[in-house]
Amino acid sequence: MKCCRTTIRCSRQNRSGAWSRILPKENPEAPDDFGKFVDIFLDKGLQGVKDYVRSLEASDPKCWKYTRSKQYDDIAAIAVSF
């Protein structure tokens, strides 16, 4: 249950009032590093981004390093090219 409380405390509330985290990171208070994910996307596409996030989750089964409510949390990504 500690994992769940930590996730809620470390999440942010968006304009609609929903709680959300943007990117997995060891320090939930640190700003999101989109550069890392852009680099992965440019090299391996959205599947690479998913694989990277899943590898972080797999390396932290107790949800202590990357706070979340369950080992494999929901994941969503969108790529827009111009």
PDB file of N, CA and C in Angstrom:
ATOM      1  N   MET A   1       0.819  -1.204   0.000  1.00  0.00           N
ATOM      2  CA  MET A   1       0.000   0.000   0.000  1.00  0.00           C
ATOM      3  C   MET A   1       0.857   1.260   0.000  1.00  0.00           C
ATOM      4  N   LYS A   2       2.081   1.176   0.533  1.00  0.00           N
ATOM      5  CA  LYS A   2       2.968   2.337   0.535  1.00  0.00           C
ATOM      6  C   LYS A   2       3.177   2.880  -0.872  1.00  0.00           C
ATOM      7  N   CYS A   3       3.326   1.986  -1.834  1.00  0.00           N
ATOM      8  CA  CYS A   3       3.541   2.395  -3.224  1.00  0.00           C
ATOM      9  C   CYS A   3       2.380   3.264  -3.706  1.00  0.00           C
ATOM     10  N   CYS A   4       1.189   2.862  -3.401  1.00  0.00           N
ATOM     11  CA  CYS A   4      -0.001   3.589  -3.842  1.00  0.00           C
ATOM     12  C   CYS A   4      -0.029   5.002  -3.240  1.00  0.00           C
ATOM     13  N   ARG A   5       0.236   5.123  -1.960  1.00  0.00           N
ATOM     14  CA  ARG A   5       0.230   6.445  -1.320  1.00  0.00           C
ATOM     15  C   ARG A   5       1.310   7.343  -1.916  1.00  0.00           C
ATOM     16  N   THR A   6       2.482   6.772  -2.175  1.00  0.00           N
ATOM     17  CA  THR A   6       3.567   7.563  -2.746  1.00  0.00           C
ATOM     18  C   THR A   6       3.194   8.064  -4.130  1.00  0.00           C
ATOM     19  N   THR A   7       2.567   7.220  -4.934  1.00  0.00           N
ATOM     20  CA  THR A   7       2.162   7.618  -6.275  1.00  0.00           C
ATOM     21  C   THR A   7       1.215   8.804  -6.221  1.00  0.00           C
ATOM     22  N   ILE A   8       0.243   8.743  -5.361  1.00  0.00           N
ATOM     23  CA  ILE A   8      -0.728   9.826  -5.269  1.00  0.00           C
ATOM     24  C   ILE A   8      -0.045  11.107  -4.804  1.00  0.00           C
ATOM     25  N   ARG A   9       0.839  11.005  -3.833  1.00  0.00           N
ATOM     26  CA  ARG A   9       1.524  12.187  -3.326  1.00  0.00           C
ATOM     27  C   ARG A   9       2.434  12.811  -4.380  1.00  0.00           C
ATOM     28  N   CYS A  10       3.049  11.993  -5.219  1.00  0.00           N
ATOM     29  CA  CYS A  10       4.029  12.483  -6.179  1.00  0.00           C
ATOM     30  C   CYS A  10       3.434  12.817  -7.533  1.00  0.00           C
ATOM     31  N   SER A  11       2.155  12.608  -7.711  1.00  0.00           N
ATOM     32  CA  SER A  11       1.518  12.907  -8.993  1.00  0.00           C
ATOM     33  C   SER A  11       1.125  14.375  -9.052  1.00  0.00           C
ATOM     34  N   ARG A  12       0.700  14.789 -10.231  1.00  0.00           N
ATOM     35  CA  ARG A  12       0.239  16.163 -10.408  1.00  0.00           C
ATOM     36  C   ARG A  12      -1.227  16.165 -10.788  1.00  0.00           C
ATOM     37  N   GLN A  13      -1.896  17.242 -10.484  1.00  0.00           N
ATOM     38  CA  GLN A  13      -3.283  17.365 -10.873  1.00  0.00           C
ATOM     39  C   GLN A  13      -3.346  18.247 -12.116  1.00  0.00           C
ATOM     40  N   ASN A  14      -3.996  17.734 -13.184  1.00  0.00           N
ATOM     41  CA  ASN A  14      -4.089  18.528 -14.409  1.00  0.00           C
ATOM     42  C   ASN A  14      -5.336  19.413 -14.373  1.00  0.00           C
ATOM     43  N   ARG A  15      -5.568  20.154 -15.444  1.00  0.00           N
ATOM     44  CA  ARG A  15      -6.682  21.122 -15.477  1.00  0.00           C
ATOM     45  C   ARG A  15      -8.039  20.494 -15.243  1.00  0.00           C
ATOM     46  N   SER A  16      -8.231  19.260 -15.681  1.00  0.00           N
ATOM     47  CA  SER A  16      -9.541  18.623 -15.504  1.00  0.00           C
ATOM     48  C   SER A  16      -9.700  18.040 -14.109  1.00  0.00           C
ATOM     49  N   GLY A  17      -8.664  18.139 -13.280  1.00  0.00           N
ATOM     50  CA  GLY A  17      -8.744  17.623 -11.924  1.00  0.00           C
ATOM     51  C   GLY A  17      -8.247  16.189 -11.800  1.00  0.00           C
ATOM     52  N   ALA A  18      -7.844  15.568 -12.912  1.00  0.00           N
ATOM     53  CA  ALA A  18      -7.345  14.192 -12.871  1.00  0.00           C
ATOM     54  C   ALA A  18      -5.888  14.192 -12.424  1.00  0.00           C
ATOM     55  N   TRP A  19      -5.499  13.149 -11.714  1.00  0.00           N
ATOM     56  CA  TRP A  19      -4.115  13.016 -11.277  1.00  0.00           C
ATOM     57  C   TRP A  19      -3.335  12.278 -12.340  1.00  0.00           C
ATOM     58  N   SER A  20      -2.149  12.781 -12.671  1.00  0.00           N
ATOM     59  CA  SER A  20      -1.363  12.130 -13.714  1.00  0.00           C
ATOM     60  C   SER A  20       0.122  12.325 -13.475  1.00  0.00           C
ATOM     61  N   ARG A  21       0.898  11.373 -13.965  1.00  0.00           N
ATOM     62  CA  ARG A  21       2.347  11.500 -14.023  1.00  0.00           C
ATOM     63  C   ARG A  21       2.687  11.498 -15.496  1.00  0.00           C
ATOM     64  N   ILE A  22       3.691  12.233 -15.887  1.00  0.00           N
ATOM     65  CA  ILE A  22       4.026  12.316 -17.296  1.00  0.00           C
ATOM     66  C   ILE A  22       5.049  11.252 -17.663  1.00  0.00           C
ATOM     67  N   LEU A  23       6.254  11.321 -17.131  1.00  0.00           N
ATOM     68  CA  LEU A  23       7.317  10.388 -17.482  1.00  0.00           C
ATOM     69  C   LEU A  23       7.856   9.702 -16.236  1.00  0.00           C
ATOM     70  N   PRO A  24       8.232   8.424 -16.361  1.00  0.00           N
ATOM     71  CA  PRO A  24       8.822   7.747 -15.197  1.00  0.00           C
ATOM     72  C   PRO A  24      10.205   8.328 -14.885  1.00  0.00           C
ATOM     73  N   LYS A  25      10.456   8.572 -13.616  1.00  0.00           N
ATOM     74  CA  LYS A  25      11.752   9.094 -13.188  1.00  0.00           C
ATOM     75  C   LYS A  25      11.966   8.736 -11.724  1.00  0.00           C
ATOM     76  N   GLU A  26      13.232   8.644 -11.330  1.00  0.00           N
ATOM     77  CA  GLU A  26      13.553   8.269  -9.961  1.00  0.00           C
ATOM     78  C   GLU A  26      13.097   9.312  -8.958  1.00  0.00           C
ATOM     79  N   ASN A  27      13.229  10.576  -9.283  1.00  0.00           N
ATOM     80  CA  ASN A  27      12.799  11.662  -8.404  1.00  0.00           C
ATOM     81  C   ASN A  27      11.525  12.270  -8.980  1.00  0.00           C
ATOM     82  N   PRO A  28      10.363  11.952  -8.412  1.00  0.00           N
ATOM     83  CA  PRO A  28       9.097  12.472  -8.963  1.00  0.00           C
ATOM     84  C   PRO A  28       9.009  13.994  -8.976  1.00  0.00           C
ATOM     85  N   GLU A  29       9.820  14.659  -8.160  1.00  0.00           N
ATOM     86  CA  GLU A  29       9.798  16.117  -8.112  1.00  0.00           C
ATOM     87  C   GLU A  29      10.621  16.754  -9.238  1.00  0.00           C
ATOM     88  N   ALA A  30      11.480  15.972  -9.878  1.00  0.00           N
ATOM     89  CA  ALA A  30      12.337  16.494 -10.950  1.00  0.00           C
ATOM     90  C   ALA A  30      11.496  16.797 -12.190  1.00  0.00           C
ATOM     91  N   PRO A  31      11.936  17.763 -12.989  1.00  0.00           N
ATOM     92  CA  PRO A  31      11.192  18.045 -14.227  1.00  0.00           C
ATOM     93  C   PRO A  31      11.267  16.858 -15.184  1.00  0.00           C
ATOM     94  N   ASP A  32      10.263  16.728 -16.026  1.00  0.00           N
ATOM     95  CA  ASP A  32      10.238  15.646 -17.013  1.00  0.00           C
ATOM     96  C   ASP A  32      11.352  15.844 -18.033  1.00  0.00           C
ATOM     97  N   ASP A  33      12.040  14.755 -18.387  1.00  0.00           N
ATOM     98  CA  ASP A  33      13.116  14.788 -19.372  1.00  0.00           C
ATOM     99  C   ASP A  33      12.593  14.208 -20.680  1.00  0.00           C
ATOM    100  N   PHE A  34      11.941  15.042 -21.471  1.00  0.00           N
ATOM    101  CA  PHE A  34      11.383  14.560 -22.732  1.00  0.00           C
ATOM    102  C   PHE A  34      12.471  14.211 -23.736  1.00  0.00           C
ATOM    103  N   GLY A  35      13.658  14.802 -23.603  1.00  0.00           N
ATOM    104  CA  GLY A  35      14.753  14.533 -24.527  1.00  0.00           C
ATOM    105  C   GLY A  35      15.100  13.063 -24.613  1.00  0.00           C
ATOM    106  N   LYS A  36      15.135  12.388 -23.480  1.00  0.00           N
ATOM    107  CA  LYS A  36      15.438  10.951 -23.445  1.00  0.00           C
ATOM    108  C   LYS A  36      14.424  10.171 -24.276  1.00  0.00           C
ATOM    109  N   PHE A  37      13.160  10.505 -24.119  1.00  0.00           N
ATOM    110  CA  PHE A  37      12.108   9.791 -24.834  1.00  0.00           C
ATOM    111  C   PHE A  37      12.086  10.141 -26.318  1.00  0.00           C
ATOM    112  N   VAL A  38      12.412  11.387 -26.652  1.00  0.00           N
ATOM    113  CA  VAL A  38      12.512  11.777 -28.062  1.00  0.00           C
ATOM    114  C   VAL A  38      13.640  11.000 -28.724  1.00  0.00           C
ATOM    115  N   ASP A  39      14.781  10.907 -28.046  1.00  0.00           N
ATOM    116  CA  ASP A  39      15.908  10.144 -28.599  1.00  0.00           C
ATOM    117  C   ASP A  39      15.533   8.688 -28.844  1.00  0.00           C
ATOM    118  N   ILE A  40      14.860   8.088 -27.886  1.00  0.00           N
ATOM    119  CA  ILE A  40      14.430   6.688 -28.047  1.00  0.00           C
ATOM    120  C   ILE A  40      13.456   6.577 -29.210  1.00  0.00           C
ATOM    121  N   PHE A  41      12.500   7.506 -29.287  1.00  0.00           N
ATOM    122  CA  PHE A  41      11.524   7.474 -30.379  1.00  0.00           C
ATOM    123  C   PHE A  41      12.205   7.606 -31.740  1.00  0.00           C
ATOM    124  N   LEU A  42      13.129   8.550 -31.857  1.00  0.00           N
ATOM    125  CA  LEU A  42      13.799   8.755 -33.143  1.00  0.00           C
ATOM    126  C   LEU A  42      14.621   7.536 -33.558  1.00  0.00           C
ATOM    127  N   ASP A  43      15.139   6.808 -32.575  1.00  0.00           N
ATOM    128  CA  ASP A  43      15.950   5.631 -32.869  1.00  0.00           C
ATOM    129  C   ASP A  43      15.113   4.367 -33.074  1.00  0.00           C
ATOM    130  N   LYS A  44      14.072   4.187 -32.252  1.00  0.00           N
ATOM    131  CA  LYS A  44      13.350   2.908 -32.252  1.00  0.00           C
ATOM    132  C   LYS A  44      11.835   3.031 -32.381  1.00  0.00           C
ATOM    133  N   GLY A  45      11.324   4.226 -32.565  1.00  0.00           N
ATOM    134  CA  GLY A  45       9.884   4.412 -32.727  1.00  0.00           C
ATOM    135  C   GLY A  45       9.121   4.268 -31.418  1.00  0.00           C
ATOM    136  N   LEU A  46       7.788   4.272 -31.525  1.00  0.00           N
ATOM    137  CA  LEU A  46       6.944   4.167 -30.336  1.00  0.00           C
ATOM    138  C   LEU A  46       7.135   2.829 -29.626  1.00  0.00           C
ATOM    139  N   GLN A  47       7.405   1.766 -30.386  1.00  0.00           N
ATOM    140  CA  GLN A  47       7.647   0.467 -29.753  1.00  0.00           C
ATOM    141  C   GLN A  47       8.887   0.541 -28.853  1.00  0.00           C
ATOM    142  N   GLY A  48       9.898   1.278 -29.277  1.00  0.00           N
ATOM    143  CA  GLY A  48      11.091   1.461 -28.458  1.00  0.00           C
ATOM    144  C   GLY A  48      10.795   2.210 -27.168  1.00  0.00           C
ATOM    145  N   VAL A  49       9.930   3.220 -27.266  1.00  0.00           N
ATOM    146  CA  VAL A  49       9.525   3.971 -26.074  1.00  0.00           C
ATOM    147  C   VAL A  49       8.800   3.031 -25.111  1.00  0.00           C
ATOM    148  N   LYS A  50       7.857   2.262 -25.633  1.00  0.00           N
ATOM    149  CA  LYS A  50       7.129   1.313 -24.786  1.00  0.00           C
ATOM    150  C   LYS A  50       8.086   0.310 -24.145  1.00  0.00           C
ATOM    151  N   ASP A  51       8.990  -0.241 -24.931  1.00  0.00           N
ATOM    152  CA  ASP A  51       9.941  -1.221 -24.401  1.00  0.00           C
ATOM    153  C   ASP A  51      10.804  -0.619 -23.293  1.00  0.00           C
ATOM    154  N   TYR A  52      11.217   0.638 -23.462  1.00  0.00           N
ATOM    155  CA  TYR A  52      12.031   1.314 -22.452  1.00  0.00           C
ATOM    156  C   TYR A  52      11.242   1.480 -21.148  1.00  0.00           C
ATOM    157  N   VAL A  53      10.007   1.967 -21.252  1.00  0.00           N
ATOM    158  CA  VAL A  53       9.186   2.167 -20.057  1.00  0.00           C
ATOM    159  C   VAL A  53       8.934   0.824 -19.368  1.00  0.00           C
ATOM    160  N   ARG A  54       8.614  -0.204 -20.140  1.00  0.00           N
ATOM    161  CA  ARG A  54       8.368  -1.520 -19.550  1.00  0.00           C
ATOM    162  C   ARG A  54       9.626  -2.077 -18.880  1.00  0.00           C
ATOM    163  N   SER A  55      10.818  -1.773 -19.435  1.00  0.00           N
ATOM    164  CA  SER A  55      12.052  -2.252 -18.807  1.00  0.00           C
ATOM    165  C   SER A  55      12.293  -1.540 -17.472  1.00  0.00           C
ATOM    166  N   LEU A  56      11.938  -0.246 -17.401  1.00  0.00           N
ATOM    167  CA  LEU A  56      12.044   0.464 -16.124  1.00  0.00           C
ATOM    168  C   LEU A  56      11.108  -0.158 -15.094  1.00  0.00           C
ATOM    169  N   GLU A  57       9.885  -0.439 -15.505  1.00  0.00           N
ATOM    170  CA  GLU A  57       8.916  -1.045 -14.593  1.00  0.00           C
ATOM    171  C   GLU A  57       9.369  -2.428 -14.141  1.00  0.00           C
ATOM    172  N   ALA A  58       9.896  -3.227 -15.066  1.00  0.00           N
ATOM    173  CA  ALA A  58      10.358  -4.577 -14.737  1.00  0.00           C
ATOM    174  C   ALA A  58      11.523  -4.539 -13.747  1.00  0.00           C
ATOM    175  N   SER A  59      12.349  -3.505 -13.845  1.00  0.00           N
ATOM    176  CA  SER A  59      13.497  -3.396 -12.944  1.00  0.00           C
ATOM    177  C   SER A  59      13.102  -2.914 -11.552  1.00  0.00           C
ATOM    178  N   ASP A  60      11.835  -2.546 -11.362  1.00  0.00           N
ATOM    179  CA  ASP A  60      11.361  -1.995 -10.095  1.00  0.00           C
ATOM    180  C   ASP A  60      10.009  -2.617  -9.722  1.00  0.00           C
ATOM    181  N   PRO A  61       9.973  -3.939  -9.447  1.00  0.00           N
ATOM    182  CA  PRO A  61       8.690  -4.609  -9.209  1.00  0.00           C
ATOM    183  C   PRO A  61       7.936  -4.134  -7.966  1.00  0.00           C
ATOM    184  N   LYS A  62       8.632  -3.542  -7.012  1.00  0.00           N
ATOM    185  CA  LYS A  62       7.959  -3.070  -5.795  1.00  0.00           C
ATOM    186  C   LYS A  62       7.523  -1.609  -5.890  1.00  0.00           C
ATOM    187  N   CYS A  63       7.744  -0.985  -7.038  1.00  0.00           N
ATOM    188  CA  CYS A  63       7.298   0.398  -7.293  1.00  0.00           C
ATOM    189  C   CYS A  63       7.962   1.424  -6.382  1.00  0.00           C
ATOM    190  N   TRP A  64       9.167   1.166  -5.929  1.00  0.00           N
ATOM    191  CA  TRP A  64       9.838   2.093  -5.034  1.00  0.00           C
ATOM    192  C   TRP A  64      10.702   3.100  -5.773  1.00  0.00           C
ATOM    193  N   LYS A  65      11.355   2.686  -6.827  1.00  0.00           N
ATOM    194  CA  LYS A  65      12.246   3.591  -7.563  1.00  0.00           C
ATOM    195  C   LYS A  65      11.453   4.520  -8.482  1.00  0.00           C
ATOM    196  N   TYR A  66      10.503   3.955  -9.207  1.00  0.00           N
ATOM    197  CA  TYR A  66       9.620   4.712 -10.096  1.00  0.00           C
ATOM    198  C   TYR A  66       8.209   4.565  -9.534  1.00  0.00           C
ATOM    199  N   THR A  67       7.769   5.537  -8.767  1.00  0.00           N
ATOM    200  CA  THR A  67       6.509   5.409  -8.041  1.00  0.00           C
ATOM    201  C   THR A  67       5.317   5.285  -8.982  1.00  0.00           C
ATOM    202  N   ARG A  68       4.482   4.297  -8.706  1.00  0.00           N
ATOM    203  CA  ARG A  68       3.249   4.053  -9.451  1.00  0.00           C
ATOM    204  C   ARG A  68       2.401   3.106  -8.619  1.00  0.00           C
ATOM    205  N   SER A  69       1.152   2.918  -8.987  1.00  0.00           N
ATOM    206  CA  SER A  69       0.252   2.116  -8.169  1.00  0.00           C
ATOM    207  C   SER A  69       0.360   0.619  -8.405  1.00  0.00           C
ATOM    208  N   LYS A  70       0.971   0.183  -9.515  1.00  0.00           N
ATOM    209  CA  LYS A  70       1.150  -1.246  -9.797  1.00  0.00           C
ATOM    210  C   LYS A  70       2.384  -1.417 -10.665  1.00  0.00           C
ATOM    211  N   GLN A  71       2.915  -2.656 -10.712  1.00  0.00           N
ATOM    212  CA  GLN A  71       4.190  -2.851 -11.424  1.00  0.00           C
ATOM    213  C   GLN A  71       4.122  -2.380 -12.866  1.00  0.00           C
ATOM    214  N   TYR A  72       3.100  -2.787 -13.590  1.00  0.00           N
ATOM    215  CA  TYR A  72       2.968  -2.367 -14.985  1.00  0.00           C
ATOM    216  C   TYR A  72       1.781  -1.432 -15.092  1.00  0.00           C
ATOM    217  N   ASP A  73       2.067  -0.156 -15.060  1.00  0.00           N
ATOM    218  CA  ASP A  73       1.028   0.859 -15.119  1.00  0.00           C
ATOM    219  C   ASP A  73       0.603   1.077 -16.568  1.00  0.00           C
ATOM    220  N   ASP A  74      -0.489   1.785 -16.758  1.00  0.00           N
ATOM    221  CA  ASP A  74      -0.950   2.104 -18.106  1.00  0.00           C
ATOM    222  C   ASP A  74       0.107   2.931 -18.823  1.00  0.00           C
ATOM    223  N   ILE A  75       0.131   2.816 -20.149  1.00  0.00           N
ATOM    224  CA  ILE A  75       1.103   3.569 -20.936  1.00  0.00           C
ATOM    225  C   ILE A  75       0.414   4.079 -22.202  1.00  0.00           C
ATOM    226  N   ALA A  76       0.726   5.301 -22.571  1.00  0.00           N
ATOM    227  CA  ALA A  76       0.187   5.876 -23.805  1.00  0.00           C
ATOM    228  C   ALA A  76       1.235   6.818 -24.407  1.00  0.00           C
ATOM    229  N   ALA A  77       1.342   6.823 -25.698  1.00  0.00           N
ATOM    230  CA  ALA A  77       2.267   7.728 -26.382  1.00  0.00           C
ATOM    231  C   ALA A  77       1.675   8.083 -27.750  1.00  0.00           C
ATOM    232  N   ILE A  78       1.925   9.293 -28.168  1.00  0.00           N
ATOM    233  CA  ILE A  78       1.460   9.770 -29.470  1.00  0.00           C
ATOM    234  C   ILE A  78       2.649  10.415 -30.170  1.00  0.00           C
ATOM    235  N   ALA A  79       2.807  10.103 -31.424  1.00  0.00           N
ATOM    236  CA  ALA A  79       3.871  10.737 -32.235  1.00  0.00           C
ATOM    237  C   ALA A  79       3.214  11.553 -33.339  1.00  0.00           C
ATOM    238  N   VAL A  80       3.635  12.801 -33.466  1.00  0.00           N
ATOM    239  CA  VAL A  80       3.119  13.681 -34.512  1.00  0.00           C
ATOM    240  C   VAL A  80       4.313  14.161 -35.332  1.00  0.00           C
ATOM    241  N   SER A  81       4.238  13.944 -36.623  1.00  0.00           N
ATOM    242  CA  SER A  81       5.310  14.394 -37.528  1.00  0.00           C
ATOM    243  C   SER A  81       4.781  15.452 -38.473  1.00  0.00           C
ATOM    244  N   PHE A  82       5.591  16.445 -38.747  1.00  0.00           N
ATOM    245  CA  PHE A  82       5.205  17.505 -39.692  1.00  0.00           C
ATOM    246  C   PHE A  82       6.094  17.463 -40.894  1.00  0.00           C
TER     247      PHE A  82
END
